[in-house]
Amino acid sequence: SWPKKGCSSLRWVSLKAIRLARSFTCPPRPPRTPAQIVDFLMVNRTFPRSVAFCVDQMRTHLVRLAKEHGARSSCNETADELFALLKAGRNGVFIERGLHESVQHCLLLTNRLATEIADSYHF
């Protein structure tokens, strides 16, 4: 749920991050598997430090920029592609495909996205 009146979005995201980190490290739970840890850090969109959360936020802001500039650019497509890859990577798919290769592919897309943003918006 979105922040209550008078609570900044940064403060709200920080509170959510603390709450999620605490819930992930609760002692009575059984040990986590590597696939669960990867899912938590990469594809959990409710955890503000996960890759999927960051990419989703980036997509939101790129859509706003595209509206302001009057057209979508290649960076919007790349951000959508990266988000789709992360969304499809749930339930241990990254582990099954090979963690190193999956992370490397995400990094390649991220680098391409950075270059396209710089080209599109003249950074």
PDB file of N, CA and C in Angstrom:
ATOM      1  N   SER A   1       0.834  -1.186   0.000  1.00  0.00           N
ATOM      2  CA  SER A   1       0.000   0.000   0.000  1.00  0.00           C
ATOM      3  C   SER A   1       0.876   1.246   0.000  1.00  0.00           C
ATOM      4  N   TRP A   2       0.390   2.282  -0.655  1.00  0.00           N
ATOM      5  CA  TRP A   2       1.174   3.496  -0.852  1.00  0.00           C
ATOM      6  C   TRP A   2       1.272   4.280   0.447  1.00  0.00           C
ATOM      7  N   PRO A   3       2.272   5.140   0.566  1.00  0.00           N
ATOM      8  CA  PRO A   3       2.478   5.876   1.820  1.00  0.00           C
ATOM      9  C   PRO A   3       1.241   6.651   2.268  1.00  0.00           C
ATOM     10  N   LYS A   4       1.103   6.724   3.553  1.00  0.00           N
ATOM     11  CA  LYS A   4       0.010   7.491   4.137  1.00  0.00           C
ATOM     12  C   LYS A   4       0.309   8.980   3.979  1.00  0.00           C
ATOM     13  N   LYS A   5      -0.685   9.782   4.175  1.00  0.00           N
ATOM     14  CA  LYS A   5      -0.540  11.233   4.025  1.00  0.00           C
ATOM     15  C   LYS A   5       0.583  11.735   4.941  1.00  0.00           C
ATOM     16  N   GLY A   6       1.486  12.535   4.378  1.00  0.00           N
ATOM     17  CA  GLY A   6       2.570  13.102   5.159  1.00  0.00           C
ATOM     18  C   GLY A   6       3.818  12.237   5.219  1.00  0.00           C
ATOM     19  N   CYS A   7       3.809  11.074   4.612  1.00  0.00           N
ATOM     20  CA  CYS A   7       4.961  10.169   4.634  1.00  0.00           C
ATOM     21  C   CYS A   7       5.582  10.166   3.238  1.00  0.00           C
ATOM     22  N   SER A   8       6.837  10.582   3.133  1.00  0.00           N
ATOM     23  CA  SER A   8       7.476  10.646   1.820  1.00  0.00           C
ATOM     24  C   SER A   8       7.664   9.241   1.252  1.00  0.00           C
ATOM     25  N   SER A   9       7.733   9.162  -0.078  1.00  0.00           N
ATOM     26  CA  SER A   9       7.896   7.844  -0.711  1.00  0.00           C
ATOM     27  C   SER A   9       9.235   7.235  -0.349  1.00  0.00           C
ATOM     28  N   LEU A  10      10.289   8.060  -0.195  1.00  0.00           N
ATOM     29  CA  LEU A  10      11.593   7.534   0.200  1.00  0.00           C
ATOM     30  C   LEU A  10      11.533   6.906   1.582  1.00  0.00           C
ATOM     31  N   ARG A  11      10.876   7.578   2.507  1.00  0.00           N
ATOM     32  CA  ARG A  11      10.734   7.034   3.858  1.00  0.00           C
ATOM     33  C   ARG A  11       9.916   5.742   3.822  1.00  0.00           C
ATOM     34  N   TRP A  12       8.865   5.730   3.000  1.00  0.00           N
ATOM     35  CA  TRP A  12       8.011   4.552   2.892  1.00  0.00           C
ATOM     36  C   TRP A  12       8.797   3.363   2.341  1.00  0.00           C
ATOM     37  N   VAL A  13       9.581   3.592   1.293  1.00  0.00           N
ATOM     38  CA  VAL A  13      10.390   2.523   0.701  1.00  0.00           C
ATOM     39  C   VAL A  13      11.421   2.028   1.711  1.00  0.00           C
ATOM     40  N   SER A  14      12.017   2.952   2.467  1.00  0.00           N
ATOM     41  CA  SER A  14      12.996   2.556   3.485  1.00  0.00           C
ATOM     42  C   SER A  14      12.351   1.680   4.554  1.00  0.00           C
ATOM     43  N   LEU A  15      11.169   2.085   5.005  1.00  0.00           N
ATOM     44  CA  LEU A  15      10.466   1.277   6.010  1.00  0.00           C
ATOM     45  C   LEU A  15      10.127  -0.107   5.472  1.00  0.00           C
ATOM     46  N   LYS A  16       9.700  -0.144   4.202  1.00  0.00           N
ATOM     47  CA  LYS A  16       9.393  -1.430   3.586  1.00  0.00           C
ATOM     48  C   LYS A  16      10.633  -2.306   3.499  1.00  0.00           C
ATOM     49  N   ALA A  17      11.772  -1.716   3.145  1.00  0.00           N
ATOM     50  CA  ALA A  17      13.022  -2.458   3.025  1.00  0.00           C
ATOM     51  C   ALA A  17      13.423  -3.064   4.360  1.00  0.00           C
ATOM     52  N   ILE A  18      13.307  -2.273   5.425  1.00  0.00           N
ATOM     53  CA  ILE A  18      13.663  -2.769   6.759  1.00  0.00           C
ATOM     54  C   ILE A  18      12.734  -3.904   7.162  1.00  0.00           C
ATOM     55  N   ARG A  19      11.451  -3.719   6.921  1.00  0.00           N
ATOM     56  CA  ARG A  19      10.470  -4.744   7.295  1.00  0.00           C
ATOM     57  C   ARG A  19      10.717  -6.031   6.517  1.00  0.00           C
ATOM     58  N   LEU A  20      10.997  -5.913   5.200  1.00  0.00           N
ATOM     59  CA  LEU A  20      11.242  -7.102   4.390  1.00  0.00           C
ATOM     60  C   LEU A  20      12.538  -7.787   4.783  1.00  0.00           C
ATOM     61  N   ALA A  21      13.561  -7.026   5.075  1.00  0.00           N
ATOM     62  CA  ALA A  21      14.833  -7.624   5.492  1.00  0.00           C
ATOM     63  C   ALA A  21      14.652  -8.394   6.794  1.00  0.00           C
ATOM     64  N   ARG A  22      13.908  -7.810   7.713  1.00  0.00           N
ATOM     65  CA  ARG A  22      13.654  -8.500   8.984  1.00  0.00           C
ATOM     66  C   ARG A  22      12.848  -9.777   8.768  1.00  0.00           C
ATOM     67  N   SER A  23      11.854  -9.705   7.911  1.00  0.00           N
ATOM     68  CA  SER A  23      11.022 -10.889   7.692  1.00  0.00           C
ATOM     69  C   SER A  23      11.803 -11.983   6.983  1.00  0.00           C
ATOM     70  N   PHE A  24      12.767 -11.601   6.151  1.00  0.00           N
ATOM     71  CA  PHE A  24      13.558 -12.607   5.440  1.00  0.00           C
ATOM     72  C   PHE A  24      14.525 -13.314   6.382  1.00  0.00           C
ATOM     73  N   THR A  25      15.009 -12.619   7.406  1.00  0.00           N
ATOM     74  CA  THR A  25      16.013 -13.200   8.300  1.00  0.00           C
ATOM     75  C   THR A  25      15.441 -13.695   9.622  1.00  0.00           C
ATOM     76  N   CYS A  26      14.139 -13.883   9.714  1.00  0.00           N
ATOM     77  CA  CYS A  26      13.530 -14.390  10.949  1.00  0.00           C
ATOM     78  C   CYS A  26      14.157 -15.732  11.338  1.00  0.00           C
ATOM     79  N   PRO A  27      14.592 -15.899  12.596  1.00  0.00           N
ATOM     80  CA  PRO A  27      15.275 -17.122  13.018  1.00  0.00           C
ATOM     81  C   PRO A  27      14.475 -18.427  12.964  1.00  0.00           C
ATOM     82  N   PRO A  28      13.165 -18.462  13.256  1.00  0.00           N
ATOM     83  CA  PRO A  28      12.493 -19.753  13.316  1.00  0.00           C
ATOM     84  C   PRO A  28      12.287 -20.439  11.964  1.00  0.00           C
ATOM     85  N   ARG A  29      12.563 -19.767  10.883  1.00  0.00           N
ATOM     86  CA  ARG A  29      12.337 -20.362   9.573  1.00  0.00           C
ATOM     87  C   ARG A  29      13.456 -21.329   9.210  1.00  0.00           C
ATOM     88  N   PRO A  30      13.147 -22.289   8.355  1.00  0.00           N
ATOM     89  CA  PRO A  30      14.186 -23.219   7.919  1.00  0.00           C
ATOM     90  C   PRO A  30      15.216 -22.489   7.050  1.00  0.00           C
ATOM     91  N   PRO A  31      16.400 -23.074   6.894  1.00  0.00           N
ATOM     92  CA  PRO A  31      17.431 -22.427   6.079  1.00  0.00           C
ATOM     93  C   PRO A  31      16.953 -22.203   4.646  1.00  0.00           C
ATOM     94  N   ARG A  32      17.415 -21.125   4.050  1.00  0.00           N
ATOM     95  CA  ARG A  32      17.030 -20.767   2.681  1.00  0.00           C
ATOM     96  C   ARG A  32      17.865 -21.538   1.675  1.00  0.00           C
ATOM     97  N   THR A  33      17.243 -21.855   0.572  1.00  0.00           N
ATOM     98  CA  THR A  33      17.961 -22.501  -0.522  1.00  0.00           C
ATOM     99  C   THR A  33      18.583 -21.414  -1.402  1.00  0.00           C
ATOM    100  N   PRO A  34      19.589 -21.761  -2.194  1.00  0.00           N
ATOM    101  CA  PRO A  34      20.166 -20.772  -3.106  1.00  0.00           C
ATOM    102  C   PRO A  34      19.117 -20.161  -4.043  1.00  0.00           C
ATOM    103  N   ALA A  35      18.185 -20.965  -4.507  1.00  0.00           N
ATOM    104  CA  ALA A  35      17.148 -20.458  -5.413  1.00  0.00           C
ATOM    105  C   ALA A  35      16.280 -19.414  -4.712  1.00  0.00           C
ATOM    106  N   GLN A  36      15.956 -19.622  -3.440  1.00  0.00           N
ATOM    107  CA  GLN A  36      15.151 -18.655  -2.692  1.00  0.00           C
ATOM    108  C   GLN A  36      15.908 -17.349  -2.490  1.00  0.00           C
ATOM    109  N   ILE A  37      17.192 -17.445  -2.250  1.00  0.00           N
ATOM    110  CA  ILE A  37      18.007 -16.243  -2.053  1.00  0.00           C
ATOM    111  C   ILE A  37      18.093 -15.452  -3.350  1.00  0.00           C
ATOM    112  N   VAL A  38      18.304 -16.140  -4.464  1.00  0.00           N
ATOM    113  CA  VAL A  38      18.353 -15.468  -5.763  1.00  0.00           C
ATOM    114  C   VAL A  38      17.007 -14.827  -6.075  1.00  0.00           C
ATOM    115  N   ASP A  39      15.929 -15.555  -5.826  1.00  0.00           N
ATOM    116  CA  ASP A  39      14.593 -14.993  -6.049  1.00  0.00           C
ATOM    117  C   ASP A  39      14.394 -13.726  -5.215  1.00  0.00           C
ATOM    118  N   PHE A  40      14.812 -13.764  -3.960  1.00  0.00           N
ATOM    119  CA  PHE A  40      14.641 -12.614  -3.072  1.00  0.00           C
ATOM    120  C   PHE A  40      15.443 -11.408  -3.558  1.00  0.00           C
ATOM    121  N   LEU A  41      16.696 -11.628  -3.940  1.00  0.00           N
ATOM    122  CA  LEU A  41      17.569 -10.516  -4.322  1.00  0.00           C
ATOM    123  C   LEU A  41      17.357 -10.027  -5.753  1.00  0.00           C
ATOM    124  N   MET A  42      16.894 -10.897  -6.630  1.00  0.00           N
ATOM    125  CA  MET A  42      16.781 -10.505  -8.030  1.00  0.00           C
ATOM    126  C   MET A  42      15.359 -10.239  -8.487  1.00  0.00           C
ATOM    127  N   VAL A  43      14.405 -11.079  -8.127  1.00  0.00           N
ATOM    128  CA  VAL A  43      13.079 -10.976  -8.743  1.00  0.00           C
ATOM    129  C   VAL A  43      11.946 -10.564  -7.812  1.00  0.00           C
ATOM    130  N   ASN A  44      12.223 -10.360  -6.544  1.00  0.00           N
ATOM    131  CA  ASN A  44      11.185  -9.959  -5.599  1.00  0.00           C
ATOM    132  C   ASN A  44      10.915  -8.465  -5.749  1.00  0.00           C
ATOM    133  N   ARG A  45       9.804  -8.108  -6.396  1.00  0.00           N
ATOM    134  CA  ARG A  45       9.501  -6.704  -6.673  1.00  0.00           C
ATOM    135  C   ARG A  45       9.047  -5.942  -5.439  1.00  0.00           C
ATOM    136  N   THR A  46       8.801  -6.624  -4.320  1.00  0.00           N
ATOM    137  CA  THR A  46       8.412  -5.920  -3.104  1.00  0.00           C
ATOM    138  C   THR A  46       9.624  -5.540  -2.262  1.00  0.00           C
ATOM    139  N   PHE A  47      10.785  -6.070  -2.574  1.00  0.00           N
ATOM    140  CA  PHE A  47      12.011  -5.735  -1.841  1.00  0.00           C
ATOM    141  C   PHE A  47      12.715  -4.596  -2.575  1.00  0.00           C
ATOM    142  N   PRO A  48      12.792  -3.402  -1.978  1.00  0.00           N
ATOM    143  CA  PRO A  48      13.293  -2.222  -2.691  1.00  0.00           C
ATOM    144  C   PRO A  48      14.729  -2.303  -3.190  1.00  0.00           C
ATOM    145  N   ARG A  49      15.491  -3.263  -2.752  1.00  0.00           N
ATOM    146  CA  ARG A  49      16.859  -3.383  -3.249  1.00  0.00           C
ATOM    147  C   ARG A  49      17.026  -4.506  -4.252  1.00  0.00           C
ATOM    148  N   SER A  50      15.956  -5.161  -4.593  1.00  0.00           N
ATOM    149  CA  SER A  50      16.058  -6.225  -5.591  1.00  0.00           C
ATOM    150  C   SER A  50      16.220  -5.623  -6.976  1.00  0.00           C
ATOM    151  N   VAL A  51      16.800  -6.392  -7.862  1.00  0.00           N
ATOM    152  CA  VAL A  51      17.015  -5.932  -9.226  1.00  0.00           C
ATOM    153  C   VAL A  51      15.676  -5.638  -9.901  1.00  0.00           C
ATOM    154  N   ALA A  52      14.699  -6.513  -9.718  1.00  0.00           N
ATOM    155  CA  ALA A  52      13.392  -6.327 -10.361  1.00  0.00           C
ATOM    156  C   ALA A  52      12.708  -5.048  -9.887  1.00  0.00           C
ATOM    157  N   PHE A  53      12.797  -4.741  -8.596  1.00  0.00           N
ATOM    158  CA  PHE A  53      12.197  -3.512  -8.077  1.00  0.00           C
ATOM    159  C   PHE A  53      12.837  -2.292  -8.734  1.00  0.00           C
ATOM    160  N   CYS A  54      14.180  -2.293  -8.807  1.00  0.00           N
ATOM    161  CA  CYS A  54      14.896  -1.162  -9.400  1.00  0.00           C
ATOM    162  C   CYS A  54      14.562  -1.002 -10.876  1.00  0.00           C
ATOM    163  N   VAL A  55      14.510  -2.122 -11.597  1.00  0.00           N
ATOM    164  CA  VAL A  55      14.188  -2.055 -13.027  1.00  0.00           C
ATOM    165  C   VAL A  55      12.752  -1.578 -13.217  1.00  0.00           C
ATOM    166  N   ASP A  56      11.848  -2.024 -12.374  1.00  0.00           N
ATOM    167  CA  ASP A  56      10.453  -1.590 -12.470  1.00  0.00           C
ATOM    168  C   ASP A  56      10.340  -0.081 -12.234  1.00  0.00           C
ATOM    169  N   GLN A  57      11.062   0.432 -11.250  1.00  0.00           N
ATOM    170  CA  GLN A  57      11.061   1.875 -10.987  1.00  0.00           C
ATOM    171  C   GLN A  57      11.666   2.635 -12.170  1.00  0.00           C
ATOM    172  N   MET A  58      12.724   2.086 -12.732  1.00  0.00           N
ATOM    173  CA  MET A  58      13.351   2.719 -13.889  1.00  0.00           C
ATOM    174  C   MET A  58      12.386   2.766 -15.066  1.00  0.00           C
ATOM    175  N   ARG A  59      11.665   1.675 -15.285  1.00  0.00           N
ATOM    176  CA  ARG A  59      10.669   1.643 -16.367  1.00  0.00           C
ATOM    177  C   ARG A  59       9.621   2.729 -16.167  1.00  0.00           C
ATOM    178  N   THR A  60       9.160   2.885 -14.936  1.00  0.00           N
ATOM    179  CA  THR A  60       8.150   3.895 -14.627  1.00  0.00           C
ATOM    180  C   THR A  60       8.654   5.290 -15.000  1.00  0.00           C
ATOM    181  N   HIS A  61       9.883   5.580 -14.629  1.00  0.00           N
ATOM    182  CA  HIS A  61      10.434   6.901 -14.910  1.00  0.00           C
ATOM    183  C   HIS A  61      10.750   7.086 -16.390  1.00  0.00           C
ATOM    184  N   LEU A  62      11.143   6.027 -17.062  1.00  0.00           N
ATOM    185  CA  LEU A  62      11.381   6.123 -18.504  1.00  0.00           C
ATOM    186  C   LEU A  62      10.081   6.369 -19.266  1.00  0.00           C
ATOM    187  N   VAL A  63       8.992   5.784 -18.791  1.00  0.00           N
ATOM    188  CA  VAL A  63       7.678   6.042 -19.411  1.00  0.00           C
ATOM    189  C   VAL A  63       7.313   7.517 -19.229  1.00  0.00           C
ATOM    190  N   ARG A  64       7.561   8.055 -18.046  1.00  0.00           N
ATOM    191  CA  ARG A  64       7.290   9.474 -17.801  1.00  0.00           C
ATOM    192  C   ARG A  64       8.134  10.357 -18.727  1.00  0.00           C
ATOM    193  N   LEU A  65       9.417  10.015 -18.864  1.00  0.00           N
ATOM    194  CA  LEU A  65      10.276  10.782 -19.769  1.00  0.00           C
ATOM    195  C   LEU A  65       9.789  10.695 -21.210  1.00  0.00           C
ATOM    196  N   ALA A  66       9.372   9.495 -21.619  1.00  0.00           N
ATOM    197  CA  ALA A  66       8.880   9.314 -22.990  1.00  0.00           C
ATOM    198  C   ALA A  66       7.635  10.171 -23.230  1.00  0.00           C
ATOM    199  N   LYS A  67       6.748  10.231 -22.263  1.00  0.00           N
ATOM    200  CA  LYS A  67       5.546  11.066 -22.395  1.00  0.00           C
ATOM    201  C   LYS A  67       5.923  12.537 -22.499  1.00  0.00           C
ATOM    202  N   GLU A  68       6.890  12.936 -21.692  1.00  0.00           N
ATOM    203  CA  GLU A  68       7.315  14.328 -21.700  1.00  0.00           C
ATOM    204  C   GLU A  68       7.997  14.699 -23.030  1.00  0.00           C
ATOM    205  N   HIS A  69       8.732  13.757 -23.609  1.00  0.00           N
ATOM    206  CA  HIS A  69       9.444  14.009 -24.867  1.00  0.00           C
ATOM    207  C   HIS A  69       8.593  13.668 -26.090  1.00  0.00           C
ATOM    208  N   GLY A  70       7.458  13.048 -25.872  1.00  0.00           N
ATOM    209  CA  GLY A  70       6.542  12.777 -26.967  1.00  0.00           C
ATOM    210  C   GLY A  70       6.764  11.488 -27.721  1.00  0.00           C
ATOM    211  N   ALA A  71       7.736  10.679 -27.331  1.00  0.00           N
ATOM    212  CA  ALA A  71       7.983   9.413 -28.034  1.00  0.00           C
ATOM    213  C   ALA A  71       8.798   8.467 -27.154  1.00  0.00           C
ATOM    214  N   ARG A  72       8.523   7.187 -27.337  1.00  0.00           N
ATOM    215  CA  ARG A  72       9.336   6.162 -26.669  1.00  0.00           C
ATOM    216  C   ARG A  72      10.639   6.003 -27.437  1.00  0.00           C
ATOM    217  N   SER A  73      11.670   5.602 -26.727  1.00  0.00           N
ATOM    218  CA  SER A  73      12.950   5.369 -27.386  1.00  0.00           C
ATOM    219  C   SER A  73      13.383   3.923 -27.153  1.00  0.00           C
ATOM    220  N   SER A  74      14.529   3.581 -27.682  1.00  0.00           N
ATOM    221  CA  SER A  74      15.013   2.203 -27.557  1.00  0.00           C
ATOM    222  C   SER A  74      15.244   1.814 -26.105  1.00  0.00           C
ATOM    223  N   CYS A  75      15.531   2.785 -25.231  1.00  0.00           N
ATOM    224  CA  CYS A  75      15.752   2.450 -23.822  1.00  0.00           C
ATOM    225  C   CYS A  75      14.470   1.925 -23.166  1.00  0.00           C
ATOM    226  N   ASN A  76      13.304   2.381 -23.622  1.00  0.00           N
ATOM    227  CA  ASN A  76      12.047   1.845 -23.088  1.00  0.00           C
ATOM    228  C   ASN A  76      11.903   0.370 -23.426  1.00  0.00           C
ATOM    229  N   GLU A  77      12.269   0.018 -24.655  1.00  0.00           N
ATOM    230  CA  GLU A  77      12.174  -1.380 -25.090  1.00  0.00           C
ATOM    231  C   GLU A  77      13.156  -2.256 -24.317  1.00  0.00           C
ATOM    232  N   THR A  78      14.360  -1.756 -24.111  1.00  0.00           N
ATOM    233  CA  THR A  78      15.369  -2.527 -23.377  1.00  0.00           C
ATOM    234  C   THR A  78      14.961  -2.704 -21.926  1.00  0.00           C
ATOM    235  N   ALA A  79      14.409  -1.659 -21.313  1.00  0.00           N
ATOM    236  CA  ALA A  79      13.939  -1.768 -19.925  1.00  0.00           C
ATOM    237  C   ALA A  79      12.811  -2.794 -19.822  1.00  0.00           C
ATOM    238  N   ASP A  80      11.916  -2.795 -20.797  1.00  0.00           N
ATOM    239  CA  ASP A  80      10.839  -3.791 -20.815  1.00  0.00           C
ATOM    240  C   ASP A  80      11.404  -5.206 -20.980  1.00  0.00           C
ATOM    241  N   GLU A  81      12.399  -5.333 -21.839  1.00  0.00           N
ATOM    242  CA  GLU A  81      13.027  -6.644 -22.065  1.00  0.00           C
ATOM    243  C   GLU A  81      13.710  -7.147 -20.797  1.00  0.00           C
ATOM    244  N   LEU A  82      14.425  -6.267 -20.113  1.00  0.00           N
ATOM    245  CA  LEU A  82      15.100  -6.645 -18.869  1.00  0.00           C
ATOM    246  C   LEU A  82      14.079  -7.026 -17.803  1.00  0.00           C
ATOM    247  N   PHE A  83      13.006  -6.263 -17.697  1.00  0.00           N
ATOM    248  CA  PHE A  83      11.975  -6.579 -16.706  1.00  0.00           C
ATOM    249  C   PHE A  83      11.305  -7.919 -17.011  1.00  0.00           C
ATOM    250  N   ALA A  84      11.039  -8.185 -18.280  1.00  0.00           N
ATOM    251  CA  ALA A  84      10.439  -9.468 -18.669  1.00  0.00           C
ATOM    252  C   ALA A  84      11.369 -10.625 -18.324  1.00  0.00           C
ATOM    253  N   LEU A  85      12.662 -10.430 -18.533  1.00  0.00           N
ATOM    254  CA  LEU A  85      13.638 -11.469 -18.181  1.00  0.00           C
ATOM    255  C   LEU A  85      13.613 -11.747 -16.687  1.00  0.00           C
ATOM    256  N   LEU A  86      13.570 -10.690 -15.888  1.00  0.00           N
ATOM    257  CA  LEU A  86      13.537 -10.865 -14.437  1.00  0.00           C
ATOM    258  C   LEU A  86      12.225 -11.495 -13.985  1.00  0.00           C
ATOM    259  N   LYS A  87      11.136 -11.080 -14.590  1.00  0.00           N
ATOM    260  CA  LYS A  87       9.823 -11.635 -14.248  1.00  0.00           C
ATOM    261  C   LYS A  87       9.764 -13.137 -14.565  1.00  0.00           C
ATOM    262  N   ALA A  88      10.401 -13.530 -15.667  1.00  0.00           N
ATOM    263  CA  ALA A  88      10.414 -14.945 -16.055  1.00  0.00           C
ATOM    264  C   ALA A  88      11.398 -15.762 -15.218  1.00  0.00           C
ATOM    265  N   GLY A  89      12.243 -15.088 -14.442  1.00  0.00           N
ATOM    266  CA  GLY A  89      13.273 -15.783 -13.679  1.00  0.00           C
ATOM    267  C   GLY A  89      12.861 -16.240 -12.297  1.00  0.00           C
ATOM    268  N   ARG A  90      11.589 -16.268 -12.016  1.00  0.00           N
ATOM    269  CA  ARG A  90      11.116 -16.691 -10.686  1.00  0.00           C
ATOM    270  C   ARG A  90      11.272 -18.190 -10.473  1.00  0.00           C
ATOM    271  N   ASN A  91      11.186 -18.573  -9.200  1.00  0.00           N
ATOM    272  CA  ASN A  91      11.157 -19.981  -8.781  1.00  0.00           C
ATOM    273  C   ASN A  91      12.366 -20.767  -9.247  1.00  0.00           C
ATOM    274  N   GLY A  92      13.541 -20.177  -9.118  1.00  0.00           N
ATOM    275  CA  GLY A  92      14.764 -20.915  -9.391  1.00  0.00           C
ATOM    276  C   GLY A  92      15.157 -21.044 -10.842  1.00  0.00           C
ATOM    277  N   VAL A  93      14.498 -20.321 -11.726  1.00  0.00           N
ATOM    278  CA  VAL A  93      14.816 -20.426 -13.147  1.00  0.00           C
ATOM    279  C   VAL A  93      16.252 -19.961 -13.408  1.00  0.00           C
ATOM    280  N   PHE A  94      16.705 -18.924 -12.694  1.00  0.00           N
ATOM    281  CA  PHE A  94      18.080 -18.454 -12.875  1.00  0.00           C
ATOM    282  C   PHE A  94      19.090 -19.530 -12.473  1.00  0.00           C
ATOM    283  N   ILE A  95      18.780 -20.263 -11.439  1.00  0.00           N
ATOM    284  CA  ILE A  95      19.676 -21.341 -11.005  1.00  0.00           C
ATOM    285  C   ILE A  95      19.688 -22.453 -12.050  1.00  0.00           C
ATOM    286  N   GLU A  96      18.518 -22.818 -12.559  1.00  0.00           N
ATOM    287  CA  GLU A  96      18.419 -23.882 -13.560  1.00  0.00           C
ATOM    288  C   GLU A  96      19.161 -23.526 -14.847  1.00  0.00           C
ATOM    289  N   ARG A  97      19.046 -22.277 -15.278  1.00  0.00           N
ATOM    290  CA  ARG A  97      19.694 -21.835 -16.516  1.00  0.00           C
ATOM    291  C   ARG A  97      21.186 -21.608 -16.328  1.00  0.00           C
ATOM    292  N   GLY A  98      21.597 -21.480 -15.096  1.00  0.00           N
ATOM    293  CA  GLY A  98      22.979 -21.152 -14.774  1.00  0.00           C
ATOM    294  C   GLY A  98      23.028 -19.733 -14.229  1.00  0.00           C
ATOM    295  N   LEU A  99      23.333 -19.616 -12.962  1.00  0.00           N
ATOM    296  CA  LEU A  99      23.290 -18.312 -12.297  1.00  0.00           C
ATOM    297  C   LEU A  99      24.259 -17.330 -12.946  1.00  0.00           C
ATOM    298  N   HIS A 100      25.471 -17.791 -13.203  1.00  0.00           N
ATOM    299  CA  HIS A 100      26.481 -16.903 -13.783  1.00  0.00           C
ATOM    300  C   HIS A 100      26.025 -16.354 -15.139  1.00  0.00           C
ATOM    301  N   GLU A 101      25.513 -17.218 -15.977  1.00  0.00           N
ATOM    302  CA  GLU A 101      25.062 -16.794 -17.301  1.00  0.00           C
ATOM    303  C   GLU A 101      23.868 -15.854 -17.207  1.00  0.00           C
ATOM    304  N   SER A 102      22.940 -16.147 -16.306  1.00  0.00           N
ATOM    305  CA  SER A 102      21.752 -15.308 -16.137  1.00  0.00           C
ATOM    306  C   SER A 102      22.124 -13.914 -15.652  1.00  0.00           C
ATOM    307  N   VAL A 103      23.001 -13.852 -14.656  1.00  0.00           N
ATOM    308  CA  VAL A 103      23.433 -12.560 -14.130  1.00  0.00           C
ATOM    309  C   VAL A 103      24.220 -11.800 -15.192  1.00  0.00           C
ATOM    310  N   GLN A 104      25.062 -12.505 -15.920  1.00  0.00           N
ATOM    311  CA  GLN A 104      25.836 -11.863 -16.978  1.00  0.00           C
ATOM    312  C   GLN A 104      24.920 -11.281 -18.061  1.00  0.00           C
ATOM    313  N   HIS A 105      23.869 -12.009 -18.410  1.00  0.00           N
ATOM    314  CA  HIS A 105      22.913 -11.507 -19.396  1.00  0.00           C
ATOM    315  C   HIS A 105      22.192 -10.264 -18.876  1.00  0.00           C
ATOM    316  N   CYS A 106      21.811 -10.273 -17.600  1.00  0.00           N
ATOM    317  CA  CYS A 106      21.171  -9.095 -16.989  1.00  0.00           C
ATOM    318  C   CYS A 106      22.128  -7.902 -17.005  1.00  0.00           C
ATOM    319  N   LEU A 107      23.404  -8.147 -16.733  1.00  0.00           N
ATOM    320  CA  LEU A 107      24.384  -7.066 -16.755  1.00  0.00           C
ATOM    321  C   LEU A 107      24.563  -6.500 -18.161  1.00  0.00           C
ATOM    322  N   LEU A 108      24.562  -7.367 -19.162  1.00  0.00           N
ATOM    323  CA  LEU A 108      24.671  -6.897 -20.546  1.00  0.00           C
ATOM    324  C   LEU A 108      23.486  -6.000 -20.915  1.00  0.00           C
ATOM    325  N   LEU A 109      22.286  -6.444 -20.529  1.00  0.00           N
ATOM    326  CA  LEU A 109      21.097  -5.624 -20.796  1.00  0.00           C
ATOM    327  C   LEU A 109      21.139  -4.298 -20.035  1.00  0.00           C
ATOM    328  N   THR A 110      21.634  -4.340 -18.809  1.00  0.00           N
ATOM    329  CA  THR A 110      21.733  -3.120 -18.005  1.00  0.00           C
ATOM    330  C   THR A 110      22.721  -2.140 -18.635  1.00  0.00           C
ATOM    331  N   ASN A 111      23.851  -2.641 -19.106  1.00  0.00           N
ATOM    332  CA  ASN A 111      24.827  -1.772 -19.769  1.00  0.00           C
ATOM    333  C   ASN A 111      24.251  -1.184 -21.053  1.00  0.00           C
ATOM    334  N   ARG A 112      23.545  -2.015 -21.813  1.00  0.00           N
ATOM    335  CA  ARG A 112      22.906  -1.522 -23.036  1.00  0.00           C
ATOM    336  C   ARG A 112      21.874  -0.450 -22.705  1.00  0.00           C
ATOM    337  N   LEU A 113      21.111  -0.687 -21.629  1.00  0.00           N
ATOM    338  CA  LEU A 113      20.101   0.279 -21.197  1.00  0.00           C
ATOM    339  C   LEU A 113      20.742   1.611 -20.823  1.00  0.00           C
ATOM    340  N   ALA A 114      21.847   1.560 -20.087  1.00  0.00           N
ATOM    341  CA  ALA A 114      22.536   2.793 -19.691  1.00  0.00           C
ATOM    342  C   ALA A 114      22.995   3.580 -20.918  1.00  0.00           C
ATOM    343  N   THR A 115      23.550   2.888 -21.902  1.00  0.00           N
ATOM    344  CA  THR A 115      24.005   3.541 -23.124  1.00  0.00           C
ATOM    345  C   THR A 115      22.838   4.150 -23.881  1.00  0.00           C
ATOM    346  N   GLU A 116      21.734   3.425 -23.972  1.00  0.00           N
ATOM    347  CA  GLU A 116      20.557   3.929 -24.692  1.00  0.00           C
ATOM    348  C   GLU A 116      19.934   5.136 -23.985  1.00  0.00           C
ATOM    349  N   ILE A 117      19.919   5.123 -22.661  1.00  0.00           N
ATOM    350  CA  ILE A 117      19.403   6.277 -21.916  1.00  0.00           C
ATOM    351  C   ILE A 117      20.286   7.492 -22.190  1.00  0.00           C
ATOM    352  N   ALA A 118      21.595   7.282 -22.147  1.00  0.00           N
ATOM    353  CA  ALA A 118      22.520   8.380 -22.408  1.00  0.00           C
ATOM    354  C   ALA A 118      22.346   8.928 -23.829  1.00  0.00           C
ATOM    355  N   ASP A 119      22.170   8.055 -24.791  1.00  0.00           N
ATOM    356  CA  ASP A 119      21.976   8.491 -26.178  1.00  0.00           C
ATOM    357  C   ASP A 119      20.632   9.192 -26.364  1.00  0.00           C
ATOM    358  N   SER A 120      19.593   8.630 -25.774  1.00  0.00           N
ATOM    359  CA  SER A 120      18.241   9.175 -25.971  1.00  0.00           C
ATOM    360  C   SER A 120      18.036  10.523 -25.294  1.00  0.00           C
ATOM    361  N   TYR A 121      18.630  10.685 -24.122  1.00  0.00           N
ATOM    362  CA  TYR A 121      18.383  11.900 -23.348  1.00  0.00           C
ATOM    363  C   TYR A 121      19.632  12.756 -23.191  1.00  0.00           C
ATOM    364  N   HIS A 122      20.644  12.507 -24.004  1.00  0.00           N
ATOM    365  CA  HIS A 122      21.842  13.334 -24.133  1.00  0.00           C
ATOM    366  C   HIS A 122      22.600  13.542 -22.827  1.00  0.00           C
ATOM    367  N   PHE A 123      22.880  12.456 -22.142  1.00  0.00           N
ATOM    368  CA  PHE A 123      23.687  12.537 -20.914  1.00  0.00           C
ATOM    369  C   PHE A 123      25.148  12.441 -21.271  1.00  0.00           C
TER     370      PHE A 123
END
